[in-house]
Amino acid sequence: MNKLIVIVGASGVGKTTLMNALTSKYEFAVAYEQHDARPFQSLFKQDPKYALANQLDYLLLRAEQERELRAAARPGLMDGGLDLDFYGFTRLFHARGWLSAAEFDLCRRLHSLIRQTLPPPDLIAHLRADSQTVGGRLASRNRINIASAQDTEQLESYIAEWLNPLPESKILRLDVSKEGKEYPVSVPLILDRIKQTVPKAA
């Protein structure tokens, strides 16, 4: 089974930009969040009643993407991912009142069932940046944003709760506040860790 690397962090931290920087240096099989292509994302932005449909769609999409990446010939690279979508965004939307307790539990059951059939990522690159950087990046990008800069702290607390019990060998923590689009500091660090994680990359 192929190795899987995921890039996680709050909205606007630079996950997709880092993905692009990494793919310019190394050949990966990739999977993106596909905001514009998702059928419920824009509807959810307009009306919270679509929160459940949006989250179920994302959890299923991420499971499908993971299955494809695990079967690929090259190491898999994903921005966000199944676990971030559940532990981060689904929890945030429940806290905001957009998902009821029963709806949140439905997402939890689906995530748990998926994780029983698909192994967790082999490496998690956790990106963090200061609030000013995140706010600027969110404001400058042309995509549908559900989470805002004001949600960053809460999202980070959920991500920490998810990651803290995991072995540190599976996590690479990166402060990307001062990084440009080419990520000259983070890219070499991630590629070096990938070479340790993926024997074929050595």
N, C-alpha and C. Protein backbone atom coordinates (compact mmCIF):
# COMPACT_ATOMS: atom_id res chain seq x y z
N MET A 1 0.85 -1.19 0.00
CA MET A 1 0.00 0.00 0.00
C MET A 1 0.89 1.24 0.00
N ASN A 2 0.53 2.21 -0.82
CA ASN A 2 1.32 3.42 -0.97
C ASN A 2 1.26 4.30 0.28
N LYS A 3 2.30 5.12 0.50
CA LYS A 3 2.34 6.03 1.62
C LYS A 3 1.49 7.27 1.35
N LEU A 4 0.96 7.88 2.44
CA LEU A 4 0.10 9.06 2.32
C LEU A 4 0.61 10.15 3.25
N ILE A 5 0.83 11.34 2.69
CA ILE A 5 1.23 12.51 3.45
C ILE A 5 0.11 13.54 3.35
N VAL A 6 -0.32 14.10 4.49
CA VAL A 6 -1.37 15.12 4.46
C VAL A 6 -0.83 16.41 5.06
N ILE A 7 -1.33 17.53 4.54
CA ILE A 7 -0.97 18.86 5.03
C ILE A 7 -2.20 19.44 5.72
N VAL A 8 -2.09 19.72 7.01
CA VAL A 8 -3.26 20.16 7.77
C VAL A 8 -2.99 21.52 8.41
N GLY A 9 -4.07 22.17 8.82
CA GLY A 9 -3.98 23.47 9.47
C GLY A 9 -5.28 24.22 9.27
N ALA A 10 -5.40 25.37 9.89
CA ALA A 10 -6.62 26.17 9.77
C ALA A 10 -6.79 26.71 8.36
N SER A 11 -8.00 27.14 8.04
CA SER A 11 -8.26 27.76 6.74
C SER A 11 -7.38 28.99 6.57
N GLY A 12 -6.74 29.11 5.40
CA GLY A 12 -5.93 30.26 5.11
C GLY A 12 -4.49 30.16 5.52
N VAL A 13 -4.10 29.04 6.13
CA VAL A 13 -2.73 28.92 6.62
C VAL A 13 -1.73 28.67 5.48
N GLY A 14 -2.23 28.14 4.35
CA GLY A 14 -1.35 27.94 3.20
C GLY A 14 -1.16 26.50 2.78
N LYS A 15 -2.12 25.65 3.05
CA LYS A 15 -2.00 24.22 2.74
C LYS A 15 -1.85 23.99 1.23
N THR A 16 -2.73 24.58 0.45
CA THR A 16 -2.70 24.36 -0.99
C THR A 16 -1.45 24.96 -1.62
N THR A 17 -1.04 26.14 -1.14
CA THR A 17 0.18 26.76 -1.66
C THR A 17 1.40 25.88 -1.39
N LEU A 18 1.45 25.29 -0.21
CA LEU A 18 2.55 24.39 0.11
C LEU A 18 2.49 23.14 -0.77
N MET A 19 1.28 22.64 -1.00
CA MET A 19 1.13 21.50 -1.91
C MET A 19 1.76 21.81 -3.26
N ASN A 20 1.46 22.98 -3.80
CA ASN A 20 1.99 23.36 -5.11
C ASN A 20 3.51 23.48 -5.08
N ALA A 21 4.05 24.02 -3.99
CA ALA A 21 5.50 24.14 -3.87
C ALA A 21 6.15 22.76 -3.81
N LEU A 22 5.52 21.83 -3.10
CA LEU A 22 6.08 20.47 -2.99
C LEU A 22 6.03 19.73 -4.32
N THR A 23 4.93 19.88 -5.05
CA THR A 23 4.81 19.16 -6.32
C THR A 23 5.76 19.70 -7.39
N SER A 24 6.26 20.91 -7.20
CA SER A 24 7.26 21.45 -8.13
C SER A 24 8.64 20.86 -7.88
N LYS A 25 8.83 20.21 -6.72
CA LYS A 25 10.13 19.65 -6.36
C LYS A 25 10.17 18.12 -6.37
N TYR A 26 8.99 17.49 -6.35
CA TYR A 26 8.96 16.04 -6.23
C TYR A 26 7.67 15.52 -6.86
N GLU A 27 7.68 14.33 -7.41
CA GLU A 27 6.49 13.77 -8.06
C GLU A 27 5.61 13.05 -7.04
N PHE A 28 4.42 13.58 -6.89
CA PHE A 28 3.42 13.00 -5.99
C PHE A 28 2.15 12.65 -6.77
N ALA A 29 1.40 11.71 -6.23
CA ALA A 29 -0.01 11.60 -6.59
C ALA A 29 -0.74 12.54 -5.65
N VAL A 30 -1.59 13.43 -6.16
CA VAL A 30 -2.15 14.49 -5.33
C VAL A 30 -3.68 14.47 -5.29
N ALA A 31 -4.21 15.05 -4.21
CA ALA A 31 -5.65 15.23 -4.06
C ALA A 31 -5.89 16.56 -3.36
N TYR A 32 -6.76 17.38 -3.93
CA TYR A 32 -7.05 18.70 -3.39
C TYR A 32 -8.47 18.75 -2.80
N GLU A 33 -8.75 19.88 -2.12
CA GLU A 33 -10.05 20.03 -1.44
C GLU A 33 -11.23 20.20 -2.40
N GLN A 34 -11.00 20.76 -3.57
CA GLN A 34 -12.04 20.89 -4.61
C GLN A 34 -13.23 21.74 -4.16
N HIS A 35 -12.96 22.88 -3.53
CA HIS A 35 -14.05 23.71 -3.01
C HIS A 35 -15.10 24.03 -4.06
N ASP A 36 -14.67 24.50 -5.23
CA ASP A 36 -15.62 24.95 -6.24
C ASP A 36 -16.40 23.79 -6.85
N ALA A 37 -15.84 22.59 -6.81
CA ALA A 37 -16.50 21.44 -7.45
C ALA A 37 -17.48 20.73 -6.52
N ARG A 38 -17.44 21.01 -5.23
CA ARG A 38 -18.31 20.30 -4.30
C ARG A 38 -19.73 20.81 -4.42
N PRO A 39 -20.73 19.91 -4.45
CA PRO A 39 -22.11 20.32 -4.73
C PRO A 39 -22.79 21.11 -3.63
N PHE A 40 -22.31 21.01 -2.38
CA PHE A 40 -23.01 21.67 -1.28
C PHE A 40 -22.23 22.84 -0.68
N GLN A 41 -21.00 23.07 -1.13
CA GLN A 41 -20.17 24.09 -0.49
C GLN A 41 -20.76 25.49 -0.62
N SER A 42 -21.14 25.89 -1.83
CA SER A 42 -21.71 27.22 -2.00
C SER A 42 -23.09 27.33 -1.35
N LEU A 43 -23.85 26.25 -1.36
CA LEU A 43 -25.15 26.25 -0.70
C LEU A 43 -25.00 26.42 0.81
N PHE A 44 -24.00 25.74 1.37
CA PHE A 44 -23.72 25.86 2.80
C PHE A 44 -23.31 27.28 3.15
N LYS A 45 -22.53 27.89 2.30
CA LYS A 45 -22.11 29.28 2.54
C LYS A 45 -23.32 30.20 2.65
N GLN A 46 -24.37 29.90 1.86
CA GLN A 46 -25.57 30.73 1.84
C GLN A 46 -26.56 30.36 2.94
N ASP A 47 -26.58 29.07 3.33
CA ASP A 47 -27.59 28.60 4.29
C ASP A 47 -27.02 27.44 5.11
N PRO A 48 -26.91 27.59 6.43
CA PRO A 48 -26.33 26.55 7.28
C PRO A 48 -27.09 25.23 7.26
N LYS A 49 -28.31 25.20 6.72
CA LYS A 49 -29.06 23.94 6.70
C LYS A 49 -28.36 22.90 5.83
N TYR A 50 -27.42 23.34 5.00
CA TYR A 50 -26.68 22.40 4.14
C TYR A 50 -25.39 21.89 4.80
N ALA A 51 -25.20 22.21 6.06
CA ALA A 51 -23.96 21.81 6.74
C ALA A 51 -23.78 20.30 6.75
N LEU A 52 -24.81 19.57 7.08
CA LEU A 52 -24.69 18.10 7.16
C LEU A 52 -24.37 17.52 5.79
N ALA A 53 -25.12 17.92 4.77
CA ALA A 53 -24.86 17.41 3.43
C ALA A 53 -23.44 17.73 2.99
N ASN A 54 -22.97 18.93 3.31
CA ASN A 54 -21.62 19.33 2.94
C ASN A 54 -20.58 18.47 3.63
N GLN A 55 -20.74 18.23 4.92
CA GLN A 55 -19.76 17.44 5.65
C GLN A 55 -19.76 15.98 5.23
N LEU A 56 -20.91 15.40 5.02
CA LEU A 56 -20.96 14.02 4.54
C LEU A 56 -20.31 13.89 3.17
N ASP A 57 -20.57 14.88 2.31
CA ASP A 57 -19.94 14.86 0.99
C ASP A 57 -18.42 14.93 1.10
N TYR A 58 -17.92 15.79 1.98
CA TYR A 58 -16.47 15.92 2.14
C TYR A 58 -15.85 14.66 2.73
N LEU A 59 -16.48 14.07 3.73
CA LEU A 59 -15.93 12.85 4.33
C LEU A 59 -15.87 11.72 3.29
N LEU A 60 -16.91 11.61 2.48
CA LEU A 60 -16.90 10.58 1.44
C LEU A 60 -15.86 10.89 0.36
N LEU A 61 -15.76 12.16 -0.03
CA LEU A 61 -14.75 12.57 -1.02
C LEU A 61 -13.35 12.22 -0.51
N ARG A 62 -13.06 12.56 0.73
CA ARG A 62 -11.74 12.31 1.28
C ARG A 62 -11.43 10.82 1.36
N ALA A 63 -12.44 10.01 1.68
CA ALA A 63 -12.23 8.56 1.69
C ALA A 63 -11.91 8.06 0.29
N GLU A 64 -12.65 8.56 -0.70
CA GLU A 64 -12.39 8.16 -2.08
C GLU A 64 -11.00 8.58 -2.53
N GLN A 65 -10.61 9.80 -2.15
CA GLN A 65 -9.28 10.28 -2.51
C GLN A 65 -8.18 9.45 -1.85
N GLU A 66 -8.36 9.14 -0.56
CA GLU A 66 -7.35 8.34 0.13
C GLU A 66 -7.20 6.97 -0.53
N ARG A 67 -8.29 6.37 -0.89
CA ARG A 67 -8.24 5.05 -1.53
C ARG A 67 -7.46 5.12 -2.84
N GLU A 68 -7.71 6.17 -3.62
CA GLU A 68 -6.99 6.33 -4.89
C GLU A 68 -5.50 6.60 -4.66
N LEU A 69 -5.18 7.44 -3.69
CA LEU A 69 -3.78 7.76 -3.42
C LEU A 69 -3.02 6.55 -2.89
N ARG A 70 -3.66 5.74 -2.09
CA ARG A 70 -3.02 4.54 -1.56
C ARG A 70 -2.70 3.54 -2.68
N ALA A 71 -3.48 3.59 -3.75
CA ALA A 71 -3.27 2.66 -4.87
C ALA A 71 -2.35 3.22 -5.94
N ALA A 72 -1.90 4.47 -5.78
CA ALA A 72 -1.08 5.12 -6.80
C ALA A 72 0.35 4.59 -6.79
N ALA A 73 1.08 4.92 -7.85
CA ALA A 73 2.47 4.45 -7.98
C ALA A 73 3.45 5.38 -7.28
N ARG A 74 3.02 6.59 -6.94
CA ARG A 74 3.88 7.57 -6.29
C ARG A 74 3.34 7.90 -4.90
N PRO A 75 4.15 8.45 -4.01
CA PRO A 75 3.64 8.84 -2.69
C PRO A 75 2.45 9.78 -2.83
N GLY A 76 1.45 9.59 -2.00
CA GLY A 76 0.25 10.42 -2.04
C GLY A 76 0.40 11.68 -1.20
N LEU A 77 -0.11 12.81 -1.71
CA LEU A 77 -0.04 14.09 -1.02
C LEU A 77 -1.42 14.73 -1.07
N MET A 78 -1.93 15.14 0.09
CA MET A 78 -3.29 15.67 0.17
C MET A 78 -3.31 16.92 1.03
N ASP A 79 -4.06 17.95 0.58
CA ASP A 79 -4.24 19.12 1.44
C ASP A 79 -5.51 18.94 2.26
N GLY A 80 -5.38 19.15 3.57
CA GLY A 80 -6.51 18.88 4.45
C GLY A 80 -6.63 17.38 4.67
N GLY A 81 -7.77 16.84 4.34
CA GLY A 81 -7.92 15.39 4.44
C GLY A 81 -9.08 14.97 5.32
N LEU A 82 -9.31 13.68 5.34
CA LEU A 82 -10.43 13.08 6.06
C LEU A 82 -10.44 13.47 7.54
N ASP A 83 -9.30 13.33 8.20
CA ASP A 83 -9.27 13.58 9.65
C ASP A 83 -9.41 15.06 9.98
N LEU A 84 -8.79 15.93 9.19
CA LEU A 84 -8.98 17.36 9.41
C LEU A 84 -10.43 17.76 9.19
N ASP A 85 -11.05 17.19 8.17
CA ASP A 85 -12.45 17.52 7.90
C ASP A 85 -13.35 17.11 9.05
N PHE A 86 -13.03 15.98 9.71
CA PHE A 86 -13.86 15.58 10.85
C PHE A 86 -13.43 16.28 12.14
N TYR A 87 -12.17 16.08 12.55
CA TYR A 87 -11.73 16.59 13.85
C TYR A 87 -11.68 18.11 13.90
N GLY A 88 -11.46 18.75 12.75
CA GLY A 88 -11.39 20.20 12.71
C GLY A 88 -12.71 20.84 12.32
N PHE A 89 -13.09 20.68 11.06
CA PHE A 89 -14.22 21.44 10.53
C PHE A 89 -15.58 20.92 11.00
N THR A 90 -15.76 19.61 11.08
CA THR A 90 -17.05 19.10 11.56
C THR A 90 -17.28 19.52 13.01
N ARG A 91 -16.24 19.46 13.82
CA ARG A 91 -16.37 19.91 15.22
C ARG A 91 -16.65 21.41 15.29
N LEU A 92 -15.99 22.18 14.43
CA LEU A 92 -16.24 23.63 14.43
C LEU A 92 -17.68 23.93 14.06
N PHE A 93 -18.19 23.27 13.04
CA PHE A 93 -19.56 23.56 12.60
C PHE A 93 -20.58 23.11 13.64
N HIS A 94 -20.27 22.04 14.37
CA HIS A 94 -21.13 21.63 15.48
C HIS A 94 -21.11 22.70 16.57
N ALA A 95 -19.92 23.21 16.91
CA ALA A 95 -19.79 24.25 17.92
C ALA A 95 -20.52 25.53 17.51
N ARG A 96 -20.57 25.81 16.22
CA ARG A 96 -21.26 27.00 15.72
C ARG A 96 -22.78 26.81 15.67
N GLY A 97 -23.26 25.59 15.93
CA GLY A 97 -24.69 25.34 15.90
C GLY A 97 -25.23 25.00 14.53
N TRP A 98 -24.34 24.78 13.58
CA TRP A 98 -24.76 24.45 12.22
C TRP A 98 -25.02 22.95 12.05
N LEU A 99 -24.50 22.15 12.97
CA LEU A 99 -24.79 20.72 13.01
C LEU A 99 -25.37 20.39 14.38
N SER A 100 -26.48 19.68 14.40
CA SER A 100 -27.05 19.25 15.67
C SER A 100 -26.19 18.13 16.26
N ALA A 101 -26.47 17.76 17.50
CA ALA A 101 -25.73 16.67 18.14
C ALA A 101 -25.91 15.37 17.36
N ALA A 102 -27.13 15.12 16.89
CA ALA A 102 -27.40 13.89 16.13
C ALA A 102 -26.68 13.91 14.79
N GLU A 103 -26.63 15.08 14.14
CA GLU A 103 -25.94 15.20 12.86
C GLU A 103 -24.43 15.04 13.04
N PHE A 104 -23.90 15.64 14.10
CA PHE A 104 -22.48 15.46 14.38
C PHE A 104 -22.15 13.99 14.62
N ASP A 105 -23.03 13.29 15.34
CA ASP A 105 -22.79 11.87 15.62
C ASP A 105 -22.84 11.06 14.34
N LEU A 106 -23.68 11.45 13.40
CA LEU A 106 -23.73 10.76 12.10
C LEU A 106 -22.39 10.90 11.38
N CYS A 107 -21.82 12.11 11.40
CA CYS A 107 -20.50 12.32 10.80
C CYS A 107 -19.44 11.51 11.54
N ARG A 108 -19.53 11.48 12.87
CA ARG A 108 -18.56 10.71 13.66
C ARG A 108 -18.60 9.23 13.29
N ARG A 109 -19.80 8.69 13.16
CA ARG A 109 -19.94 7.27 12.81
C ARG A 109 -19.36 6.98 11.43
N LEU A 110 -19.60 7.89 10.48
CA LEU A 110 -19.07 7.69 9.13
C LEU A 110 -17.55 7.76 9.15
N HIS A 111 -17.00 8.74 9.83
CA HIS A 111 -15.54 8.86 9.93
C HIS A 111 -14.93 7.63 10.57
N SER A 112 -15.54 7.15 11.65
CA SER A 112 -15.03 5.97 12.34
C SER A 112 -15.06 4.74 11.43
N LEU A 113 -16.14 4.57 10.70
CA LEU A 113 -16.26 3.43 9.79
C LEU A 113 -15.20 3.50 8.70
N ILE A 114 -14.99 4.68 8.15
CA ILE A 114 -13.98 4.84 7.10
C ILE A 114 -12.59 4.51 7.64
N ARG A 115 -12.28 5.01 8.85
CA ARG A 115 -10.96 4.76 9.43
C ARG A 115 -10.73 3.29 9.78
N GLN A 116 -11.79 2.53 9.91
CA GLN A 116 -11.64 1.09 10.14
C GLN A 116 -11.23 0.36 8.85
N THR A 117 -11.47 0.99 7.71
CA THR A 117 -11.14 0.36 6.43
C THR A 117 -9.93 0.98 5.75
N LEU A 118 -9.56 2.22 6.14
CA LEU A 118 -8.41 2.90 5.56
C LEU A 118 -7.46 3.30 6.69
N PRO A 119 -6.16 3.03 6.54
CA PRO A 119 -5.22 3.40 7.60
C PRO A 119 -5.03 4.91 7.67
N PRO A 120 -4.63 5.44 8.82
CA PRO A 120 -4.38 6.88 8.93
C PRO A 120 -3.16 7.29 8.13
N PRO A 121 -2.97 8.58 7.89
CA PRO A 121 -1.80 9.05 7.11
C PRO A 121 -0.48 8.61 7.74
N ASP A 122 0.53 8.46 6.90
CA ASP A 122 1.86 8.08 7.37
C ASP A 122 2.63 9.28 7.90
N LEU A 123 2.32 10.47 7.38
CA LEU A 123 2.96 11.70 7.84
C LEU A 123 1.96 12.84 7.77
N ILE A 124 1.91 13.63 8.84
CA ILE A 124 1.03 14.79 8.91
C ILE A 124 1.88 16.04 9.07
N ALA A 125 1.85 16.92 8.07
CA ALA A 125 2.54 18.21 8.17
C ALA A 125 1.53 19.22 8.70
N HIS A 126 1.75 19.67 9.92
CA HIS A 126 0.82 20.60 10.59
C HIS A 126 1.34 22.02 10.46
N LEU A 127 0.63 22.84 9.69
CA LEU A 127 1.03 24.23 9.46
C LEU A 127 0.33 25.16 10.44
N ARG A 128 1.10 26.10 10.96
CA ARG A 128 0.55 27.15 11.80
C ARG A 128 1.11 28.49 11.35
N ALA A 129 0.32 29.55 11.55
CA ALA A 129 0.76 30.90 11.22
C ALA A 129 0.05 31.87 12.15
N ASP A 130 0.60 33.06 12.30
CA ASP A 130 -0.04 34.05 13.16
C ASP A 130 -1.35 34.51 12.54
N SER A 131 -2.22 35.06 13.38
CA SER A 131 -3.57 35.43 12.94
C SER A 131 -3.57 36.46 11.83
N GLN A 132 -2.63 37.38 11.85
CA GLN A 132 -2.55 38.40 10.79
C GLN A 132 -2.24 37.76 9.45
N THR A 133 -1.33 36.79 9.44
CA THR A 133 -0.98 36.10 8.20
C THR A 133 -2.17 35.31 7.68
N VAL A 134 -2.84 34.58 8.57
CA VAL A 134 -4.00 33.78 8.15
C VAL A 134 -5.09 34.68 7.60
N GLY A 135 -5.38 35.79 8.30
CA GLY A 135 -6.42 36.70 7.83
C GLY A 135 -6.11 37.28 6.47
N GLY A 136 -4.85 37.64 6.24
CA GLY A 136 -4.45 38.18 4.95
C GLY A 136 -4.58 37.17 3.83
N ARG A 137 -4.20 35.93 4.12
CA ARG A 137 -4.28 34.89 3.10
C ARG A 137 -5.73 34.55 2.77
N LEU A 138 -6.59 34.53 3.79
CA LEU A 138 -8.01 34.26 3.54
C LEU A 138 -8.63 35.37 2.68
N ALA A 139 -8.27 36.61 2.98
CA ALA A 139 -8.86 37.74 2.26
C ALA A 139 -8.40 37.80 0.81
N SER A 140 -7.21 37.26 0.52
CA SER A 140 -6.65 37.41 -0.82
C SER A 140 -7.02 36.28 -1.76
N ARG A 141 -7.57 35.19 -1.24
CA ARG A 141 -7.79 34.06 -2.14
C ARG A 141 -9.20 34.06 -2.71
N ASN A 142 -9.35 33.49 -3.88
CA ASN A 142 -10.62 33.47 -4.60
C ASN A 142 -11.25 32.09 -4.50
N ARG A 143 -11.86 31.85 -3.34
CA ARG A 143 -12.54 30.58 -3.17
C ARG A 143 -13.62 30.73 -2.10
N ILE A 144 -14.49 29.75 -1.99
CA ILE A 144 -15.56 29.78 -1.01
C ILE A 144 -14.97 29.43 0.36
N ASN A 145 -15.04 30.37 1.30
CA ASN A 145 -14.55 30.13 2.65
C ASN A 145 -15.73 29.99 3.61
N ILE A 146 -15.81 28.86 4.29
CA ILE A 146 -16.82 28.69 5.34
C ILE A 146 -16.24 29.16 6.67
N ALA A 147 -15.07 28.62 7.04
CA ALA A 147 -14.39 29.07 8.26
C ALA A 147 -13.71 30.41 7.99
N SER A 148 -13.70 31.27 9.01
CA SER A 148 -13.12 32.60 8.88
C SER A 148 -11.84 32.70 9.70
N ALA A 149 -11.18 33.86 9.59
CA ALA A 149 -9.97 34.08 10.37
C ALA A 149 -10.27 34.01 11.87
N GLN A 150 -11.49 34.39 12.26
CA GLN A 150 -11.88 34.35 13.66
C GLN A 150 -12.00 32.92 14.20
N ASP A 151 -12.11 31.96 13.29
CA ASP A 151 -12.22 30.55 13.70
C ASP A 151 -10.87 29.89 13.90
N THR A 152 -9.79 30.59 13.58
CA THR A 152 -8.46 29.97 13.57
C THR A 152 -8.10 29.37 14.92
N GLU A 153 -8.28 30.13 15.98
CA GLU A 153 -7.88 29.65 17.31
C GLU A 153 -8.65 28.40 17.71
N GLN A 154 -9.96 28.40 17.44
CA GLN A 154 -10.76 27.23 17.80
C GLN A 154 -10.38 26.02 16.95
N LEU A 155 -10.18 26.25 15.66
CA LEU A 155 -9.75 25.15 14.79
C LEU A 155 -8.42 24.57 15.28
N GLU A 156 -7.50 25.44 15.64
CA GLU A 156 -6.21 24.97 16.12
C GLU A 156 -6.34 24.15 17.40
N SER A 157 -7.28 24.52 18.27
CA SER A 157 -7.47 23.74 19.49
C SER A 157 -8.00 22.35 19.16
N TYR A 158 -8.88 22.26 18.16
CA TYR A 158 -9.39 20.94 17.75
C TYR A 158 -8.30 20.11 17.10
N ILE A 159 -7.48 20.74 16.27
CA ILE A 159 -6.39 20.03 15.61
C ILE A 159 -5.41 19.51 16.66
N ALA A 160 -5.13 20.33 17.67
CA ALA A 160 -4.21 19.91 18.73
C ALA A 160 -4.76 18.70 19.48
N GLU A 161 -6.06 18.70 19.77
CA GLU A 161 -6.68 17.56 20.46
C GLU A 161 -6.57 16.30 19.63
N TRP A 162 -6.67 16.44 18.32
CA TRP A 162 -6.54 15.28 17.43
C TRP A 162 -5.10 14.79 17.39
N LEU A 163 -4.15 15.72 17.24
CA LEU A 163 -2.76 15.33 17.01
C LEU A 163 -2.01 14.93 18.28
N ASN A 164 -2.35 15.51 19.42
CA ASN A 164 -1.56 15.30 20.63
C ASN A 164 -1.37 13.83 21.02
N PRO A 165 -2.38 12.97 20.86
CA PRO A 165 -2.16 11.56 21.24
C PRO A 165 -1.33 10.77 20.22
N LEU A 166 -1.09 11.33 19.03
CA LEU A 166 -0.40 10.58 17.98
C LEU A 166 1.10 10.59 18.21
N PRO A 167 1.80 9.58 17.70
CA PRO A 167 3.27 9.56 17.82
C PRO A 167 3.89 10.77 17.11
N GLU A 168 4.87 11.40 17.76
CA GLU A 168 5.52 12.57 17.16
C GLU A 168 6.23 12.21 15.86
N SER A 169 6.59 10.95 15.69
CA SER A 169 7.26 10.53 14.47
C SER A 169 6.36 10.67 13.24
N LYS A 170 5.06 10.78 13.46
CA LYS A 170 4.11 10.91 12.35
C LYS A 170 3.73 12.35 12.07
N ILE A 171 4.28 13.31 12.85
CA ILE A 171 3.87 14.71 12.74
C ILE A 171 5.09 15.60 12.48
N LEU A 172 4.95 16.53 11.57
CA LEU A 172 5.95 17.55 11.32
C LEU A 172 5.28 18.90 11.55
N ARG A 173 5.67 19.60 12.59
CA ARG A 173 5.03 20.87 12.96
C ARG A 173 5.82 22.04 12.37
N LEU A 174 5.14 22.91 11.63
CA LEU A 174 5.82 23.98 10.89
C LEU A 174 5.12 25.32 11.11
N ASP A 175 5.89 26.32 11.50
CA ASP A 175 5.38 27.69 11.56
C ASP A 175 5.69 28.34 10.21
N VAL A 176 4.64 28.65 9.45
CA VAL A 176 4.82 29.17 8.09
C VAL A 176 4.44 30.65 7.99
N SER A 177 4.44 31.35 9.11
CA SER A 177 4.04 32.77 9.13
C SER A 177 4.85 33.62 8.17
N LYS A 178 6.14 33.35 8.07
CA LYS A 178 7.02 34.20 7.26
C LYS A 178 7.41 33.55 5.93
N GLU A 179 6.79 32.45 5.57
CA GLU A 179 7.14 31.75 4.34
C GLU A 179 6.47 32.40 3.13
N GLY A 180 7.20 32.46 2.01
CA GLY A 180 6.62 32.91 0.75
C GLY A 180 6.00 31.73 0.01
N LYS A 181 5.56 31.98 -1.22
CA LYS A 181 4.83 30.96 -1.97
C LYS A 181 5.67 29.73 -2.30
N GLU A 182 6.99 29.89 -2.34
CA GLU A 182 7.86 28.75 -2.65
C GLU A 182 8.22 27.94 -1.41
N TYR A 183 7.89 28.44 -0.24
CA TYR A 183 8.16 27.74 1.03
C TYR A 183 9.61 27.24 1.11
N PRO A 184 10.59 28.14 1.03
CA PRO A 184 11.99 27.71 0.98
C PRO A 184 12.48 27.01 2.24
N VAL A 185 11.84 27.25 3.36
CA VAL A 185 12.22 26.57 4.61
C VAL A 185 11.48 25.26 4.78
N SER A 186 10.19 25.28 4.57
CA SER A 186 9.35 24.10 4.86
C SER A 186 9.51 22.98 3.85
N VAL A 187 9.65 23.31 2.57
CA VAL A 187 9.73 22.26 1.55
C VAL A 187 10.89 21.31 1.80
N PRO A 188 12.13 21.78 2.03
CA PRO A 188 13.22 20.84 2.30
C PRO A 188 12.98 19.98 3.55
N LEU A 189 12.37 20.58 4.58
CA LEU A 189 12.09 19.82 5.80
C LEU A 189 11.10 18.69 5.53
N ILE A 190 10.07 18.99 4.75
CA ILE A 190 9.07 17.97 4.45
C ILE A 190 9.65 16.89 3.54
N LEU A 191 10.39 17.29 2.53
CA LEU A 191 10.97 16.30 1.62
C LEU A 191 11.95 15.39 2.35
N ASP A 192 12.71 15.95 3.29
CA ASP A 192 13.62 15.13 4.07
C ASP A 192 12.86 14.11 4.92
N ARG A 193 11.75 14.56 5.54
CA ARG A 193 10.94 13.64 6.34
C ARG A 193 10.28 12.59 5.46
N ILE A 194 9.87 12.99 4.26
CA ILE A 194 9.26 12.03 3.34
C ILE A 194 10.28 10.95 2.96
N LYS A 195 11.51 11.35 2.75
CA LYS A 195 12.54 10.35 2.41
C LYS A 195 12.73 9.35 3.54
N GLN A 196 12.51 9.78 4.76
CA GLN A 196 12.60 8.87 5.89
C GLN A 196 11.36 7.98 5.98
N THR A 197 10.21 8.56 5.57
CA THR A 197 8.94 7.85 5.68
C THR A 197 8.70 6.90 4.51
N VAL A 198 9.16 7.34 3.32
CA VAL A 198 8.94 6.59 2.09
C VAL A 198 10.28 6.09 1.58
N PRO A 199 10.63 4.83 1.78
CA PRO A 199 11.94 4.33 1.39
C PRO A 199 12.28 4.58 -0.08
N LYS A 200 11.32 4.49 -0.97
CA LYS A 200 11.57 4.68 -2.39
C LYS A 200 12.00 6.10 -2.72
N ALA A 201 11.72 7.06 -1.80
CA ALA A 201 12.07 8.45 -2.08
C ALA A 201 13.51 8.76 -1.70
N ALA A 202 14.20 7.83 -1.07
CA ALA A 202 15.56 8.08 -0.60
C ALA A 202 16.54 8.13 -1.77
